[in-house]
Amino acid sequence: MPRLLSYWISIGADFALSLPSPVTTSTQLACEKSAVDAVRRPFRRLLNHSITGVPSASPLTPVPLSHHGRSIAGITGLLGQRLARAALDRGLAVRGLGRSPDKLDPTIAASLEAFVQMASHEDIPALDKAVAGVDSIINAYSPIDVLSLDGSLLLLRAAERAGIKVFIACSWNYDWTRMKYGALEHYDTCIAFEHQAALTSTIRPVYLFTGIFSSYMLSPFAPGAAVVGPEKTVFRYWGDDGLKTKHPWVTQDDAAVYTIDVLLHGKGVQDAQGGFFHIPSGRSTIAEIAEAYGRVSGKPYEVEKADSLDELRQQVDESRKRLGRGRAWDYASLAMQLESNSGIFEMADEQLYDVNKVKTATTLDDALRPIV
């Protein structure tokens, strides 16, 4: 009989947020105007896509919940489905929670121990039903602010009521532990959750730091803020040390496999000790990303300095004052660019989880190949 451990994955996250964008004076207003749509529309579009190479899913018929307390659930997002498949490949039982069961790949749906449909992140009965009898949770909520904090806390409280001790928090992003609260509003929700859990919860969550998902490496919000033009692609950096900074990144396939291994074998995880784990596929400078792009695409490219960090900081401060926190997404790309180019998100060798013992990490060239 296959080894069954008790886990649950909630709504699937699609990427680890990294939002740099061009911030030269001539492009600032255009950048701010388009930031919300550029960030939110890809979220919605990608959340509705099936995994590459997987046929569209048919509706899933809910099945009765097992009361044996042994399950791992996968859900409907791009990362959520990959997490489910990685768990199933390890012989684990999977229970799913989400709003749209018809988005699940049918082969995953057929393999689930159960699926619990929820109306929203505030659907307490659905949360309680989904975690009943399991002893571990993977929270792969989409990286939307209200889910990163409000939804995650409601999920954490459901886990507490169920007596669960192993909880992988919604993360898969840059390491925000060295950031000051208020430096980047989107990550403030992650920091606030970590603080509140440490202060009030009986659970010690696990946090996974990956850097940006490689599928976004050529977006306006990625390291280098690539601008793809008809004649060439321009990659930008900010500050005197901008070319030295190594930006962590991960493919979603790697992230899923590494997550399940941390769940099973991460130091202290099964002993309910929680912790912070760094699981990138690679760490690359903007120049290395540009060179890989050139090799894979065969297209001309340039790397140029956009501005100094002081000038960028002034733009961020002015945008924050003028727009207010209620419109933080409008200047999130500026704030992320400031943080990432400062080097605060770099990962030291001694921090890295030994991912290659689990799965050989995807190369940068191979990570870029699907998106060029």
Protein backbone atom coordinates (compact mmCIF):
# COMPACT_ATOMS: atom_id res chain seq x y z
CA MET A 1 0.00 0.00 0.00
CA PRO A 2 1.45 3.40 -0.89
CA ARG A 3 2.75 5.58 1.87
CA LEU A 4 0.03 8.07 2.77
CA LEU A 5 0.85 11.23 4.64
CA SER A 6 -1.72 13.81 5.59
CA TYR A 7 -1.61 17.01 3.64
CA TRP A 8 -3.93 19.46 2.00
CA ILE A 9 -3.40 22.07 -0.70
CA SER A 10 -5.78 25.01 -0.97
CA ILE A 11 -6.34 27.28 -3.98
CA GLY A 12 -3.29 27.12 -6.23
CA ALA A 13 -0.85 30.00 -6.45
CA ASP A 14 0.55 30.85 -9.86
CA PHE A 15 3.81 32.57 -9.22
CA ALA A 16 6.22 34.09 -6.80
CA LEU A 17 5.70 37.78 -7.12
CA SER A 18 8.56 39.91 -8.40
CA LEU A 19 7.46 43.17 -9.88
CA PRO A 20 10.26 45.36 -11.25
CA SER A 21 9.39 47.61 -14.17
CA PRO A 22 10.95 50.41 -16.19
CA VAL A 23 11.13 53.51 -14.06
CA THR A 24 12.88 56.14 -16.16
CA THR A 25 11.27 59.56 -15.98
CA SER A 26 9.79 59.30 -19.44
CA THR A 27 8.05 56.01 -18.67
CA GLN A 28 6.94 56.54 -15.08
CA LEU A 29 3.42 57.80 -15.77
CA ALA A 30 2.77 55.11 -18.36
CA CYS A 31 4.14 52.49 -16.01
CA GLU A 32 1.87 53.59 -13.17
CA LYS A 33 -1.16 53.75 -15.45
CA SER A 34 -0.67 50.22 -16.71
CA ALA A 35 0.61 48.56 -13.55
CA VAL A 36 -2.71 47.34 -12.20
CA ASP A 37 -3.87 45.80 -15.48
CA ALA A 38 -0.43 44.40 -16.21
CA VAL A 39 -0.33 42.67 -12.86
CA ARG A 40 -3.92 41.61 -12.34
CA ARG A 41 -4.89 40.55 -15.85
CA PRO A 42 -2.07 38.03 -16.19
CA PHE A 43 -3.14 36.65 -12.77
CA ARG A 44 -6.65 36.03 -13.98
CA ARG A 45 -5.56 34.80 -17.40
CA LEU A 46 -3.00 32.35 -16.07
CA LEU A 47 -5.28 31.09 -13.32
CA ASN A 48 -7.66 29.98 -16.05
CA HIS A 49 -5.07 28.15 -18.10
CA SER A 50 -4.44 24.45 -17.83
CA ILE A 51 -0.98 23.10 -17.19
CA THR A 52 1.13 22.99 -20.36
CA GLY A 53 0.51 19.75 -22.17
CA VAL A 54 -2.51 18.80 -20.07
CA PRO A 55 -5.97 18.71 -21.65
CA SER A 56 -8.75 20.92 -20.33
CA ALA A 57 -10.40 19.51 -17.26
CA SER A 58 -13.93 18.20 -17.02
CA PRO A 59 -16.11 18.79 -13.94
CA LEU A 60 -15.05 16.83 -10.88
CA THR A 61 -17.67 14.86 -9.01
CA PRO A 62 -17.11 15.40 -5.28
CA VAL A 63 -16.42 12.24 -3.32
CA PRO A 64 -17.03 11.59 0.37
CA LEU A 65 -14.26 12.64 2.72
CA SER A 66 -12.14 10.00 4.31
CA HIS A 67 -11.99 10.13 8.09
CA HIS A 68 -8.65 8.35 8.32
CA GLY A 69 -6.75 11.65 8.64
CA ARG A 70 -4.40 10.90 5.78
CA SER A 71 -4.63 13.16 2.70
CA ILE A 72 -2.81 15.70 0.61
CA ALA A 73 -4.94 18.00 -1.51
CA GLY A 74 -4.20 19.74 -4.77
CA ILE A 75 -6.24 22.51 -6.27
CA THR A 76 -6.92 24.27 -9.51
CA GLY A 77 -4.16 26.82 -9.98
CA LEU A 78 -1.06 26.23 -12.06
CA LEU A 79 1.14 25.67 -9.03
CA GLY A 80 -1.61 23.93 -7.07
CA GLN A 81 -2.05 21.27 -9.75
CA ARG A 82 1.69 20.76 -9.99
CA LEU A 83 1.86 20.34 -6.23
CA ALA A 84 -0.90 17.76 -6.38
CA ARG A 85 0.82 15.84 -9.15
CA ALA A 86 4.15 15.92 -7.32
CA ALA A 87 2.45 14.62 -4.19
CA LEU A 88 0.64 11.88 -6.08
CA ASP A 89 3.91 10.86 -7.71
CA ARG A 90 5.32 10.36 -4.21
CA GLY A 91 2.45 8.04 -3.32
CA LEU A 92 0.60 10.54 -1.14
CA ALA A 93 -3.15 10.85 -0.82
CA VAL A 94 -4.48 14.20 -1.99
CA ARG A 95 -7.54 16.17 -0.91
CA GLY A 96 -8.48 19.36 -2.75
CA LEU A 97 -10.15 22.61 -1.82
CA GLY A 98 -11.18 25.30 -4.27
CA ARG A 99 -13.96 27.22 -5.94
CA SER A 100 -13.86 25.71 -9.45
CA PRO A 101 -13.44 21.93 -9.61
CA ASP A 102 -13.95 22.02 -13.39
CA LYS A 103 -10.53 23.66 -13.72
CA LEU A 104 -8.78 20.57 -12.39
CA ASP A 105 -6.94 18.36 -14.83
CA PRO A 106 -9.12 15.22 -15.07
CA THR A 107 -6.24 12.87 -14.30
CA ILE A 108 -5.60 14.76 -11.06
CA ALA A 109 -9.30 14.95 -10.25
CA ALA A 110 -9.66 11.21 -10.65
CA SER A 111 -6.81 10.62 -8.21
CA LEU A 112 -8.00 12.89 -5.40
CA GLU A 113 -9.07 11.44 -2.09
CA ALA A 114 -11.74 14.15 -2.08
CA PHE A 115 -12.52 17.62 -3.33
CA VAL A 116 -14.22 20.27 -1.19
CA GLN A 117 -15.77 23.20 -3.02
CA MET A 118 -15.67 26.60 -1.31
CA ALA A 119 -17.66 29.76 -1.99
CA SER A 120 -14.85 32.09 -0.91
CA HIS A 121 -11.90 32.30 1.47
CA GLU A 122 -14.45 33.14 4.20
CA ASP A 123 -16.34 29.86 3.74
CA ILE A 124 -15.63 28.50 7.23
CA PRO A 125 -17.68 25.27 6.88
CA ALA A 126 -15.78 24.39 3.70
CA LEU A 127 -12.44 25.14 5.37
CA ASP A 128 -13.31 22.96 8.35
CA LYS A 129 -14.51 20.16 6.09
CA ALA A 130 -11.38 20.30 3.94
CA VAL A 131 -8.96 20.03 6.85
CA ALA A 132 -10.91 17.49 8.90
CA GLY A 133 -8.77 14.43 9.52
CA VAL A 134 -5.60 15.69 7.88
CA ASP A 135 -2.42 16.50 9.75
CA SER A 136 -0.64 18.79 7.27
CA ILE A 137 -1.64 21.65 4.96
CA ILE A 138 -0.07 23.30 1.94
CA ASN A 139 -1.60 26.73 1.42
CA ALA A 140 -1.21 27.56 -2.26
CA TYR A 141 -3.63 30.48 -2.33
CA SER A 142 -3.23 32.89 -5.22
CA PRO A 143 -0.90 35.79 -4.30
CA ILE A 144 -3.71 38.30 -3.90
CA ASP A 145 -3.38 40.57 -0.88
CA VAL A 146 -6.68 39.64 0.75
CA LEU A 147 -5.82 35.95 0.42
CA SER A 148 -2.20 36.34 1.51
CA LEU A 149 -3.33 37.74 4.86
CA ASP A 150 -7.06 37.44 5.56
CA GLY A 151 -7.54 34.15 3.76
CA SER A 152 -4.34 32.66 5.13
CA LEU A 153 -5.28 33.53 8.71
CA LEU A 154 -8.72 31.96 8.32
CA LEU A 155 -7.06 28.85 6.96
CA LEU A 156 -4.56 28.82 9.81
CA ARG A 157 -7.37 29.03 12.37
CA ALA A 158 -9.17 26.13 10.69
CA ALA A 159 -5.95 24.14 10.93
CA GLU A 160 -5.70 24.97 14.64
CA ARG A 161 -9.27 23.80 15.26
CA ALA A 162 -8.44 20.54 13.51
CA GLY A 163 -5.30 20.01 15.58
CA ILE A 164 -2.99 20.22 12.56
CA LYS A 165 0.67 20.96 13.27
CA VAL A 166 2.32 21.07 9.83
CA PHE A 167 1.35 24.08 7.71
CA ILE A 168 3.16 25.30 4.59
CA ALA A 169 2.26 28.95 4.25
CA CYS A 170 1.47 30.77 1.03
CA SER A 171 4.93 31.88 -0.05
CA TRP A 172 6.95 30.84 -3.15
CA ASN A 173 8.30 34.36 -3.42
CA TYR A 174 11.39 36.40 -2.63
CA ASP A 175 12.81 36.17 0.89
CA TRP A 176 11.08 39.06 2.63
CA THR A 177 12.53 38.32 6.08
CA ARG A 178 15.17 41.05 5.74
CA MET A 179 12.70 43.66 4.50
CA LYS A 180 11.32 46.49 6.58
CA TYR A 181 7.56 46.53 6.92
CA GLY A 182 6.21 49.17 4.55
CA ALA A 183 8.99 48.86 1.97
CA LEU A 184 6.75 46.81 -0.35
CA GLU A 185 3.05 46.71 0.41
CA HIS A 186 2.40 43.39 -1.28
CA TYR A 187 4.96 41.65 0.90
CA ASP A 188 3.61 43.45 3.98
CA THR A 189 0.77 40.92 3.94
CA CYS A 190 3.26 38.05 4.09
CA ILE A 191 5.23 39.70 6.88
CA ALA A 192 2.03 40.44 8.82
CA PHE A 193 0.89 36.82 8.52
CA GLU A 194 4.24 35.52 9.76
CA HIS A 195 4.18 37.91 12.72
CA GLN A 196 0.59 37.07 13.66
CA ALA A 197 1.17 33.33 13.38
CA ALA A 198 4.27 33.55 15.56
CA LEU A 199 2.42 35.67 18.11
CA THR A 200 -0.90 33.86 18.36
CA SER A 201 -0.84 30.41 16.78
CA THR A 202 -0.03 26.96 18.11
CA ILE A 203 1.24 26.16 14.60
CA ARG A 204 4.73 27.04 13.40
CA PRO A 205 4.33 27.47 9.62
CA VAL A 206 6.83 26.56 6.91
CA TYR A 207 7.81 29.32 4.45
CA LEU A 208 9.32 28.64 1.02
CA PHE A 209 11.41 31.22 -0.82
CA THR A 210 11.95 30.69 -4.54
CA GLY A 211 12.38 34.05 -6.23
CA ILE A 212 10.36 34.87 -9.32
CA PHE A 213 8.66 32.14 -11.33
CA SER A 214 10.54 31.71 -14.60
CA SER A 215 7.34 32.05 -16.62
CA TYR A 216 7.44 35.76 -15.72
CA MET A 217 11.12 36.35 -16.46
CA LEU A 218 10.37 38.41 -19.57
CA SER A 219 7.44 40.34 -18.16
CA PRO A 220 7.73 44.07 -17.40
CA PHE A 221 7.92 43.14 -13.72
CA ALA A 222 10.84 40.70 -13.83
CA PRO A 223 14.53 41.32 -13.09
CA GLY A 224 15.77 43.41 -15.99
CA ALA A 225 12.28 44.72 -16.79
CA ALA A 226 12.71 43.42 -20.32
CA VAL A 227 11.27 45.61 -23.05
CA VAL A 228 10.80 43.52 -26.17
CA GLY A 229 10.93 45.74 -29.23
CA PRO A 230 10.76 45.02 -32.96
CA GLU A 231 14.53 45.28 -33.37
CA LYS A 232 15.94 44.29 -29.98
CA THR A 233 15.11 43.48 -26.38
CA VAL A 234 16.44 45.80 -23.68
CA PHE A 235 17.18 44.58 -20.15
CA ARG A 236 17.57 47.26 -17.47
CA TYR A 237 19.26 47.49 -14.09
CA TRP A 238 19.34 50.18 -11.42
CA GLY A 239 22.21 51.34 -9.22
CA ASP A 240 25.96 50.90 -9.42
CA ASP A 241 25.77 47.28 -8.24
CA GLY A 242 22.76 46.36 -10.36
CA LEU A 243 24.76 44.07 -12.63
CA LYS A 244 26.20 42.16 -9.67
CA THR A 245 22.92 41.24 -8.03
CA LYS A 246 21.94 37.59 -8.45
CA HIS A 247 18.18 37.22 -8.69
CA PRO A 248 16.70 33.88 -7.56
CA TRP A 249 14.16 32.23 -9.81
CA VAL A 250 12.34 28.91 -10.09
CA THR A 251 10.23 26.98 -12.56
CA GLN A 252 6.82 25.96 -11.29
CA ASP A 253 7.60 22.30 -11.94
CA ASP A 254 10.74 22.54 -9.80
CA ALA A 255 8.91 24.49 -7.10
CA ALA A 256 6.25 21.81 -6.77
CA VAL A 257 8.69 18.92 -6.52
CA TYR A 258 10.94 20.77 -4.06
CA THR A 259 7.95 21.76 -1.93
CA ILE A 260 6.81 18.19 -1.48
CA ASP A 261 10.34 17.14 -0.57
CA VAL A 262 10.56 19.89 2.05
CA LEU A 263 7.22 18.72 3.38
CA LEU A 264 8.49 15.17 3.72
CA HIS A 265 12.15 15.68 4.57
CA GLY A 266 12.76 19.33 5.46
CA LYS A 267 14.55 19.64 8.78
CA GLY A 268 12.01 19.91 11.57
CA VAL A 269 8.98 20.05 9.28
CA GLN A 270 7.39 16.75 10.25
CA ASP A 271 8.23 17.55 13.88
CA ALA A 272 6.03 20.65 13.56
CA GLN A 273 8.99 22.99 13.99
CA GLY A 274 8.22 25.06 10.88
CA GLY A 275 11.02 27.10 9.34
CA PHE A 276 12.25 28.99 6.30
CA PHE A 277 13.51 27.11 3.23
CA HIS A 278 15.15 28.52 0.10
CA ILE A 279 14.40 26.43 -2.98
CA PRO A 280 15.26 28.34 -6.19
CA SER A 281 16.09 26.59 -9.44
CA GLY A 282 18.87 29.12 -9.96
CA ARG A 283 20.27 32.57 -9.18
CA SER A 284 21.20 34.80 -12.11
CA THR A 285 22.32 38.34 -12.80
CA ILE A 286 20.43 40.48 -15.27
CA ALA A 287 23.33 40.11 -17.69
CA GLU A 288 23.12 36.31 -17.40
CA ILE A 289 19.38 36.42 -18.01
CA ALA A 290 19.91 38.61 -21.07
CA GLU A 291 22.63 36.33 -22.43
CA ALA A 292 20.43 33.27 -21.96
CA TYR A 293 17.60 35.07 -23.72
CA GLY A 294 19.92 35.79 -26.64
CA ARG A 295 21.04 32.18 -26.87
CA VAL A 296 17.54 30.75 -26.73
CA SER A 297 15.73 33.31 -28.87
CA GLY A 298 18.48 34.22 -31.32
CA LYS A 299 17.28 37.83 -31.08
CA PRO A 300 19.41 40.94 -30.42
CA TYR A 301 19.45 42.32 -26.89
CA GLU A 302 21.07 45.05 -24.82
CA VAL A 303 21.67 45.61 -21.12
CA GLU A 304 21.53 49.20 -19.93
CA LYS A 305 21.51 51.17 -16.70
CA ALA A 306 18.15 52.83 -16.19
CA ASP A 307 18.83 55.03 -13.19
CA SER A 308 20.47 55.26 -9.77
CA LEU A 309 18.88 53.70 -6.70
CA ASP A 310 18.53 57.13 -5.10
CA GLU A 311 16.57 58.41 -8.08
CA LEU A 312 14.44 55.29 -8.09
CA ARG A 313 13.81 55.63 -4.35
CA GLN A 314 12.61 59.19 -4.90
CA GLN A 315 10.18 58.00 -7.57
CA VAL A 316 8.84 55.31 -5.25
CA ASP A 317 8.42 57.77 -2.37
CA GLU A 318 6.65 60.30 -4.58
CA SER A 319 4.31 57.67 -6.02
CA ARG A 320 3.51 56.27 -2.58
CA LYS A 321 2.72 59.74 -1.22
CA ARG A 322 0.66 60.77 -4.22
CA LEU A 323 -1.31 57.56 -4.72
CA GLY A 324 -1.61 56.19 -1.19
CA ARG A 325 -1.55 52.61 0.01
CA GLY A 326 -4.99 51.94 -1.43
CA ARG A 327 -3.38 52.13 -4.86
CA ALA A 328 -0.20 50.29 -3.91
CA TRP A 329 -0.45 48.07 -6.98
CA ASP A 330 -0.02 51.15 -9.16
CA TYR A 331 3.55 51.59 -7.94
CA ALA A 332 4.32 48.02 -6.85
CA SER A 333 6.62 47.56 -9.83
CA LEU A 334 8.69 50.58 -8.80
CA ALA A 335 8.95 49.41 -5.20
CA MET A 336 9.91 45.87 -6.18
CA GLN A 337 12.53 47.14 -8.57
CA LEU A 338 14.03 49.24 -5.79
CA GLU A 339 14.18 46.28 -3.40
CA SER A 340 15.45 43.70 -5.87
CA ASN A 341 18.20 45.92 -7.28
CA SER A 342 19.40 46.71 -3.77
CA GLY A 343 20.41 43.05 -3.41
CA ILE A 344 18.19 42.40 -0.40
CA PHE A 345 16.65 39.31 -2.00
CA GLU A 346 19.92 37.55 -2.81
CA MET A 347 20.26 34.04 -1.38
CA ALA A 348 23.55 32.88 0.11
CA ASP A 349 24.89 29.42 -0.71
CA GLU A 350 24.50 28.28 2.89
CA GLN A 351 20.79 29.13 2.83
CA LEU A 352 19.94 26.85 -0.07
CA TYR A 353 18.03 23.61 0.29
CA ASP A 354 19.77 20.78 -1.55
CA VAL A 355 17.30 20.70 -4.42
CA ASN A 356 19.47 18.64 -6.74
CA LYS A 357 19.13 15.63 -4.46
CA VAL A 358 15.44 15.77 -5.29
CA LYS A 359 15.42 16.83 -8.93
CA THR A 360 18.13 18.33 -11.09
CA ALA A 361 17.35 22.03 -11.23
CA THR A 362 16.16 23.39 -14.56
CA THR A 363 18.80 25.44 -16.38
CA LEU A 364 18.19 29.10 -17.13
CA ASP A 365 18.14 28.42 -20.87
CA ASP A 366 15.52 25.70 -20.46
CA ALA A 367 13.50 27.89 -18.11
CA LEU A 368 13.36 30.68 -20.69
CA ARG A 369 12.74 28.46 -23.70
CA PRO A 370 8.93 28.20 -23.27
CA ILE A 371 8.47 31.98 -23.09
CA VAL A 372 10.73 33.39 -25.83
